[in-house]
């Protein structure tokens, strides 16, 4: 089974998280396909993927525009397969840090 992992990032943290997810997917016997949302065009095809995991960072209260575009373009396909969305926020980490 091929699992699509799409990420959107500004500083690279979410890309590292996507790579970590891909390794976890691989350890479970599935084939991960990691893609930067910014590199997907109008002709990107979700066919051949049995599931999708999307990960996007949050800046100034909103997710990356590339991820929002990707979701709008592929909404029907994403709704027809198992999928998950991971929201990455460094401000939440900072807020939890007592130092």
Protein backbone atom coordinates (compact mmCIF):
# COMPACT_ATOMS: atom_id res chain seq x y z
CA UNK A 1 0.00 0.00 0.00
CA UNK A 2 1.36 3.43 -0.97
CA UNK A 3 0.81 6.27 1.52
CA UNK A 4 1.02 9.88 0.34
CA UNK A 5 2.65 12.29 2.79
CA UNK A 6 2.28 15.94 1.75
CA UNK A 7 3.95 18.71 3.73
CA UNK A 8 4.09 22.51 3.63
CA UNK A 9 6.76 24.40 5.55
CA UNK A 10 8.64 27.67 5.76
CA UNK A 11 11.52 26.82 8.08
CA UNK A 12 11.92 23.10 7.38
CA UNK A 13 10.54 21.70 10.64
CA UNK A 14 7.44 20.23 9.01
CA UNK A 15 9.57 18.60 6.30
CA UNK A 16 11.55 16.82 9.03
CA UNK A 17 8.28 15.72 10.64
CA UNK A 18 7.06 14.38 7.26
CA UNK A 19 10.30 12.41 6.87
CA UNK A 20 9.85 10.98 10.38
CA UNK A 21 6.27 9.96 9.51
CA UNK A 22 7.55 8.34 6.29
CA UNK A 23 10.00 6.24 8.29
CA UNK A 24 7.22 5.14 10.65
CA UNK A 25 5.04 4.24 7.64
CA UNK A 26 7.93 2.28 6.11
CA UNK A 27 8.55 0.35 9.35
CA UNK A 28 4.94 -0.78 9.24
CA UNK A 29 5.43 -2.29 5.80
CA UNK A 30 3.89 0.45 3.67
CA UNK A 31 5.46 2.52 0.89
CA UNK A 32 5.64 6.25 1.76
CA UNK A 33 5.63 8.93 -0.94
CA UNK A 34 6.75 12.29 0.53
CA UNK A 35 5.83 15.40 -1.47
CA UNK A 36 6.25 19.14 -0.85
CA UNK A 37 2.85 20.79 -1.45
CA UNK A 38 4.66 23.71 -3.10
CA UNK A 39 6.00 21.32 -5.76
CA UNK A 40 2.61 19.91 -6.75
CA UNK A 41 0.99 21.33 -9.83
CA UNK A 42 -2.54 21.25 -11.16
CA UNK A 43 -1.85 17.85 -12.73
CA UNK A 44 -0.75 16.10 -9.50
CA UNK A 45 -2.60 12.78 -9.25
CA UNK A 46 -3.47 11.12 -5.95
CA UNK A 47 -4.27 7.90 -7.81
CA UNK A 48 -2.19 4.96 -6.68
CA UNK A 49 -2.23 6.11 -3.05
CA UNK A 50 -4.35 4.21 -0.56
CA UNK A 51 -4.13 6.89 2.16
CA UNK A 52 -2.86 10.43 2.71
CA UNK A 53 -1.20 12.25 5.58
CA UNK A 54 -0.98 16.04 5.31
CA UNK A 55 1.25 18.17 7.52
CA UNK A 56 1.43 21.97 7.51
CA UNK A 57 2.95 24.56 9.76
CA UNK A 58 0.98 27.45 11.18
CA UNK A 59 2.27 31.02 10.90
CA UNK A 60 0.35 34.03 12.18
CA UNK A 61 -2.71 31.87 12.82
CA UNK A 62 -3.03 30.28 9.38
CA UNK A 63 -1.66 27.25 7.56
CA UNK A 64 0.69 27.48 4.61
CA UNK A 65 -1.02 28.71 1.43
CA UNK A 66 0.45 25.80 -0.58
CA UNK A 67 -1.33 23.30 1.68
CA UNK A 68 -4.61 25.18 1.47
CA UNK A 69 -4.31 25.16 -2.34
CA UNK A 70 -3.48 21.44 -2.35
CA UNK A 71 -6.50 20.60 -0.19
CA UNK A 72 -8.87 22.73 -2.31
CA UNK A 73 -7.63 21.07 -5.52
CA UNK A 74 -7.82 17.51 -4.16
CA UNK A 75 -10.71 17.71 -1.69
CA UNK A 76 -12.80 14.98 -3.34
CA UNK A 77 -9.92 12.52 -3.63
CA UNK A 78 -8.85 13.17 -0.03
CA UNK A 79 -12.41 12.64 1.21
CA UNK A 80 -12.58 9.28 -0.56
CA UNK A 81 -9.53 7.77 1.19
CA UNK A 82 -8.28 7.43 4.76
CA UNK A 83 -6.51 10.70 5.55
CA UNK A 84 -5.09 12.71 8.43
CA UNK A 85 -4.04 16.33 8.89
CA UNK A 86 -1.20 17.35 11.21
CA UNK A 87 -0.97 20.98 12.23
CA UNK A 88 2.53 22.03 13.32
CA UNK A 89 2.84 25.05 15.60
CA UNK A 90 6.05 26.14 17.28
CA UNK A 91 4.15 28.77 19.28
CA UNK A 92 2.30 25.99 21.12
CA UNK A 93 5.66 24.51 22.09
CA UNK A 94 6.94 27.87 23.29
CA UNK A 95 3.78 28.46 25.30
CA UNK A 96 4.25 25.13 27.10
CA UNK A 97 7.93 25.80 27.90
CA UNK A 98 8.23 27.20 31.46
CA UNK A 99 11.63 28.84 30.77
